[in-house]
C-alpha atoms as a PDB file:
ATOM      1  CA  MET A   1       0.006  -0.021  -0.013  1.00  0.00           C
ATOM      2  CA  ILE A   2       1.298   3.483  -0.907  1.00  0.00           C
ATOM      3  CA  GLU A   3       1.711   5.720   2.032  1.00  0.00           C
ATOM      4  CA  LEU A   4       3.646   8.605   0.449  1.00  0.00           C
ATOM      5  CA  ILE A   5       3.369  10.359  -2.884  1.00  0.00           C
ATOM      6  CA  VAL A   6       6.291  12.458  -4.059  1.00  0.00           C
ATOM      7  CA  LEU A   7       5.735  15.138  -6.572  1.00  0.00           C
ATOM      8  CA  ASP A   8       8.099  17.069  -8.810  1.00  0.00           C
ATOM      9  CA  VAL A   9       6.859  20.565  -9.715  1.00  0.00           C
ATOM     10  CA  ASP A  10       7.987  21.952 -13.143  1.00  0.00           C
ATOM     11  CA  GLY A  11       6.654  19.627 -15.861  1.00  0.00           C
ATOM     12  CA  THR A  12       4.665  17.621 -13.413  1.00  0.00           C
ATOM     13  CA  LEU A  13       2.471  19.773 -11.169  1.00  0.00           C
ATOM     14  CA  THR A  14       2.864  22.437 -13.914  1.00  0.00           C
ATOM     15  CA  ASN A  15       3.308  22.362 -17.642  1.00  0.00           C
ATOM     16  CA  GLY A  16       7.006  23.241 -17.193  1.00  0.00           C
ATOM     17  CA  GLY A  17       6.559  26.818 -18.355  1.00  0.00           C
ATOM     18  CA  ILE A  18       7.902  29.683 -16.274  1.00  0.00           C
ATOM     19  CA  THR A  19       6.643  33.174 -16.980  1.00  0.00           C
ATOM     20  CA  TYR A  20       8.331  36.277 -15.643  1.00  0.00           C
ATOM     21  CA  THR A  21       6.589  39.556 -15.384  1.00  0.00           C
ATOM     22  CA  SER A  22       8.340  42.846 -16.067  1.00  0.00           C
ATOM     23  CA  ASN A  23       8.698  43.335 -12.351  1.00  0.00           C
ATOM     24  CA  GLY A  24      10.581  40.022 -12.192  1.00  0.00           C
ATOM     25  CA  ASP A  25       7.773  38.066 -10.543  1.00  0.00           C
ATOM     26  CA  GLU A  26       7.445  34.422 -11.463  1.00  0.00           C
ATOM     27  CA  LEU A  27       4.197  32.887 -12.578  1.00  0.00           C
ATOM     28  CA  LYS A  28       3.153  29.215 -12.657  1.00  0.00           C
ATOM     29  CA  THR A  29      -0.143  27.574 -13.386  1.00  0.00           C
ATOM     30  CA  PHE A  30      -1.393  24.596 -11.398  1.00  0.00           C
ATOM     31  CA  ASP A  31      -4.239  22.263 -12.391  1.00  0.00           C
ATOM     32  CA  VAL A  32      -7.252  22.413 -10.034  1.00  0.00           C
ATOM     33  CA  ALA A  33      -7.979  18.769 -10.582  1.00  0.00           C
ATOM     34  CA  ASP A  34      -4.516  17.758  -9.583  1.00  0.00           C
ATOM     35  CA  GLY A  35      -4.902  19.904  -6.458  1.00  0.00           C
ATOM     36  CA  LEU A  36      -8.216  18.436  -5.466  1.00  0.00           C
ATOM     37  CA  ALA A  37      -6.750  14.856  -5.765  1.00  0.00           C
ATOM     38  CA  VAL A  38      -3.678  15.898  -3.614  1.00  0.00           C
ATOM     39  CA  ALA A  39      -5.829  17.564  -1.084  1.00  0.00           C
ATOM     40  CA  THR A  40      -8.041  14.520  -0.901  1.00  0.00           C
ATOM     41  CA  TRP A  41      -4.951  12.302  -0.486  1.00  0.00           C
ATOM     42  CA  THR A  42      -3.623  14.396   2.348  1.00  0.00           C
ATOM     43  CA  LYS A  43      -6.614  15.948   4.080  1.00  0.00           C
ATOM     44  CA  LYS A  44      -9.318  13.290   3.651  1.00  0.00           C
ATOM     45  CA  LEU A  45      -7.331  10.054   3.432  1.00  0.00           C
ATOM     46  CA  GLY A  46      -4.649  11.168   5.865  1.00  0.00           C
ATOM     47  CA  LYS A  47      -1.829  10.027   3.657  1.00  0.00           C
ATOM     48  CA  LYS A  48       1.498  11.802   3.226  1.00  0.00           C
ATOM     49  CA  ALA A  49       2.784  13.898   0.327  1.00  0.00           C
ATOM     50  CA  ALA A  50       6.041  15.449  -0.465  1.00  0.00           C
ATOM     51  CA  ILE A  51       7.233  17.968  -3.024  1.00  0.00           C
ATOM     52  CA  ILE A  52      10.869  17.683  -3.961  1.00  0.00           C
ATOM     53  CA  THR A  53      11.899  20.180  -6.659  1.00  0.00           C
ATOM     54  CA  GLY A  54      15.088  21.559  -8.157  1.00  0.00           C
ATOM     55  CA  ARG A  55      13.965  25.146  -8.223  1.00  0.00           C
ATOM     56  CA  ASN A  56      13.059  27.610  -5.449  1.00  0.00           C
ATOM     57  CA  SER A  57       9.635  29.453  -5.617  1.00  0.00           C
ATOM     58  CA  LEU A  58       7.406  31.165  -3.220  1.00  0.00           C
ATOM     59  CA  ILE A  59       4.566  30.104  -5.476  1.00  0.00           C
ATOM     60  CA  VAL A  60       5.370  26.455  -4.819  1.00  0.00           C
ATOM     61  CA  GLU A  61       5.527  27.120  -1.058  1.00  0.00           C
ATOM     62  CA  ARG A  62       2.044  28.628  -1.187  1.00  0.00           C
ATOM     63  CA  ARG A  63       0.697  25.721  -3.187  1.00  0.00           C
ATOM     64  CA  ALA A  64       2.159  23.189  -0.783  1.00  0.00           C
ATOM     65  CA  LYS A  65       0.479  24.909   2.118  1.00  0.00           C
ATOM     66  CA  GLU A  66      -2.892  24.951   0.334  1.00  0.00           C
ATOM     67  CA  LEU A  67      -2.635  21.255  -0.320  1.00  0.00           C
ATOM     68  CA  LYS A  68      -1.423  20.265   3.092  1.00  0.00           C
ATOM     69  CA  ILE A  69       1.810  18.859   1.736  1.00  0.00           C
ATOM     70  CA  ASN A  70       3.752  17.236   4.495  1.00  0.00           C
ATOM     71  CA  PHE A  71       7.240  17.804   3.209  1.00  0.00           C
ATOM     72  CA  LEU A  72       8.488  20.513   0.871  1.00  0.00           C
ATOM     73  CA  PHE A  73      12.049  20.633  -0.282  1.00  0.00           C
ATOM     74  CA  GLN A  74      13.125  23.169  -2.864  1.00  0.00           C
ATOM     75  CA  GLY A  75      16.480  23.849  -4.682  1.00  0.00           C
ATOM     76  CA  VAL A  76      17.319  20.118  -4.424  1.00  0.00           C
ATOM     77  CA  ASP A  77      20.044  18.640  -6.629  1.00  0.00           C
ATOM     78  CA  ASN A  78      20.023  15.069  -5.114  1.00  0.00           C
ATOM     79  CA  LYS A  79      16.358  14.277  -4.914  1.00  0.00           C
ATOM     80  CA  ASP A  80      16.736  10.548  -4.038  1.00  0.00           C
ATOM     81  CA  HIS A  81      18.937  11.537  -1.004  1.00  0.00           C
ATOM     82  CA  VAL A  82      16.241  13.880   0.299  1.00  0.00           C
ATOM     83  CA  LEU A  83      13.568  11.250  -0.204  1.00  0.00           C
ATOM     84  CA  GLU A  84      15.680   8.689   1.588  1.00  0.00           C
ATOM     85  CA  ASN A  85      15.809  10.949   4.644  1.00  0.00           C
ATOM     86  CA  ILE A  86      11.986  11.423   4.569  1.00  0.00           C
ATOM     87  CA  LEU A  87      11.611   7.679   4.548  1.00  0.00           C
ATOM     88  CA  LYS A  88      13.877   7.157   7.448  1.00  0.00           C
ATOM     89  CA  LYS A  89      12.107   9.823   9.473  1.00  0.00           C
ATOM     90  CA  GLU A  90       8.682   8.485   8.670  1.00  0.00           C
ATOM     91  CA  ASN A  91       9.711   4.792   8.838  1.00  0.00           C
ATOM     92  CA  ILE A  92       8.375   4.109   5.292  1.00  0.00           C
ATOM     93  CA  SER A  93       9.926   1.719   2.863  1.00  0.00           C
ATOM     94  CA  TRP A  94      10.633   2.500  -0.820  1.00  0.00           C
ATOM     95  CA  ASN A  95       7.797   0.057  -1.722  1.00  0.00           C
ATOM     96  CA  GLN A  96       5.310   2.329  -0.009  1.00  0.00           C
ATOM     97  CA  VAL A  97       6.270   5.314  -2.132  1.00  0.00           C
ATOM     98  CA  ALA A  98       4.910   6.553  -5.444  1.00  0.00           C
ATOM     99  CA  VAL A  99       6.855   9.170  -7.333  1.00  0.00           C
ATOM    100  CA  ILE A 100       5.959  11.258 -10.331  1.00  0.00           C
ATOM    101  CA  GLY A 101       8.653  13.121 -12.261  1.00  0.00           C
ATOM    102  CA  ASP A 102       9.317  14.189 -15.832  1.00  0.00           C
ATOM    103  CA  ASP A 103      13.052  14.680 -16.324  1.00  0.00           C
ATOM    104  CA  LEU A 104      16.594  13.412 -15.700  1.00  0.00           C
ATOM    105  CA  ASN A 105      16.807  15.083 -12.213  1.00  0.00           C
ATOM    106  CA  ASP A 106      14.009  12.782 -11.063  1.00  0.00           C
ATOM    107  CA  TYR A 107      15.659   9.596 -12.528  1.00  0.00           C
ATOM    108  CA  LYS A 108      17.200   8.138  -9.253  1.00  0.00           C
ATOM    109  CA  MET A 109      14.144   8.550  -7.113  1.00  0.00           C
ATOM    110  CA  LEU A 110      11.840   7.139  -9.837  1.00  0.00           C
ATOM    111  CA  LYS A 111      14.089   4.048 -10.127  1.00  0.00           C
ATOM    112  CA  LYS A 112      13.935   3.417  -6.378  1.00  0.00           C
ATOM    113  CA  ALA A 113      10.227   4.018  -5.795  1.00  0.00           C
ATOM    114  CA  GLY A 114       7.771   1.213  -5.331  1.00  0.00           C
ATOM    115  CA  LEU A 115       5.559   2.811  -8.038  1.00  0.00           C
ATOM    116  CA  SER A 116       6.780   5.429 -10.551  1.00  0.00           C
ATOM    117  CA  PHE A 117       4.922   7.684 -12.991  1.00  0.00           C
ATOM    118  CA  CYS A 118       5.709  10.103 -15.766  1.00  0.00           C
ATOM    119  CA  PRO A 119       3.462  12.690 -17.383  1.00  0.00           C
ATOM    120  CA  ALA A 120       2.791  12.185 -21.091  1.00  0.00           C
ATOM    121  CA  SER A 121       4.893  15.304 -21.657  1.00  0.00           C
ATOM    122  CA  GLY A 122       7.938  13.920 -19.877  1.00  0.00           C
ATOM    123  CA  SER A 123      11.377  13.016 -21.222  1.00  0.00           C
ATOM    124  CA  LYS A 124      11.657   9.869 -23.285  1.00  0.00           C
ATOM    125  CA  TYR A 125      14.445   8.699 -20.961  1.00  0.00           C
ATOM    126  CA  ILE A 126      12.072   8.899 -18.008  1.00  0.00           C
ATOM    127  CA  LYS A 127       9.251   7.265 -19.849  1.00  0.00           C
ATOM    128  CA  GLU A 128      11.480   4.253 -20.441  1.00  0.00           C
ATOM    129  CA  ILE A 129      12.074   3.558 -16.663  1.00  0.00           C
ATOM    130  CA  VAL A 130       8.780   4.311 -15.008  1.00  0.00           C
ATOM    131  CA  ASN A 131       6.034   1.813 -14.198  1.00  0.00           C
ATOM    132  CA  ILE A 132       3.350   4.073 -15.791  1.00  0.00           C
ATOM    133  CA  VAL A 133       3.361   6.811 -18.343  1.00  0.00           C
ATOM    134  CA  CYS A 134       0.264   8.978 -17.701  1.00  0.00           C
ATOM    135  CA  LYS A 135      -2.039   9.839 -20.547  1.00  0.00           C
ATOM    136  CA  ASN A 136      -2.153  13.453 -19.348  1.00  0.00           C
ATOM    137  CA  PRO A 137       0.719  15.915 -19.574  1.00  0.00           C
ATOM    138  CA  GLY A 138       2.274  17.715 -16.638  1.00  0.00           C
ATOM    139  CA  GLY A 139       0.101  20.472 -15.251  1.00  0.00           C
ATOM    140  CA  LYS A 140      -3.006  19.100 -16.983  1.00  0.00           C
ATOM    141  CA  GLY A 141      -4.106  16.167 -14.891  1.00  0.00           C
ATOM    142  CA  ALA A 142      -1.075  13.816 -14.631  1.00  0.00           C
ATOM    143  CA  VAL A 143      -0.910  14.027 -10.909  1.00  0.00           C
ATOM    144  CA  ARG A 144      -4.651  13.419 -10.614  1.00  0.00           C
ATOM    145  CA  GLU A 145      -4.257  10.368 -12.957  1.00  0.00           C
ATOM    146  CA  MET A 146      -1.464   9.026 -10.707  1.00  0.00           C
ATOM    147  CA  ILE A 147      -3.540   9.419  -7.494  1.00  0.00           C
ATOM    148  CA  GLU A 148      -6.631   7.765  -9.039  1.00  0.00           C
ATOM    149  CA  TYR A 149      -4.480   4.883 -10.207  1.00  0.00           C
ATOM    150  CA  ILE A 150      -3.094   4.418  -6.653  1.00  0.00           C
ATOM    151  CA  ILE A 151      -6.406   4.648  -4.885  1.00  0.00           C
ATOM    152  CA  LYS A 152      -7.911   2.113  -7.229  1.00  0.00           C
ATOM    153  CA  GLU A 153      -4.970  -0.279  -6.830  1.00  0.00           C
ATOM    154  CA  ASP A 154      -4.954   0.198  -3.042  1.00  0.00           C
ATOM    155  CA  GLY A 155      -8.780  -0.346  -2.688  1.00  0.00           C
ATOM    156  CA  LEU A 156      -9.398   3.241  -1.550  1.00  0.00           C
ATOM    157  CA  GLU A 157     -11.756   4.354  -4.323  1.00  0.00           C
ATOM    158  CA  GLU A 158     -14.908   4.314  -2.277  1.00  0.00           C
ATOM    159  CA  GLU A 159     -13.237   6.184   0.587  1.00  0.00           C
ATOM    160  CA  PHE A 160     -11.836   8.699  -1.872  1.00  0.00           C
ATOM    161  CA  ILE A 161     -15.125   9.448  -3.388  1.00  0.00           C
ATOM    162  CA  LYS A 162     -17.232   9.326  -0.137  1.00  0.00           C
ATOM    163  CA  SER A 163     -14.764  11.817   1.502  1.00  0.00           C
ATOM    164  CA  TRP A 164     -16.505  14.578  -0.526  1.00  0.00           C
ATOM    165  CA  LEU A 165     -20.085  13.437  -0.190  1.00  0.00           C
END
């Protein structure tokens, strides 16, 4: 049973685009359906979630708080090392972890995870090593697709749906 989902941001929770305003502010777009699925995972099902990303962004910090993400690590070069520390702290095995990532900086943690996913828009190198390539691209439902797959496989569909009724 999956106890922890791990999310990359750019190209996974977002479409990978970064927009800068003339003031230097950074803009990102997140999918509402992805967010509802993550919030249901954390708030309603009481499961754990982590964001591990290579960039730093106040926008990501805000989104993580909204979704009740348990662990947020930004500016990370060695993602699998950070994830290993989370697993030790939470006494979770790699087999209880599902990871979604889209590019080479996600490679090591995707290879170690019990269940791994890549958005349809991800790198061909990542698509070759993951368990599941999502039909949806990053920032447009790939994370929702991952969570729905997990809840079905783990027999949590009824609880997932009823949590909103």
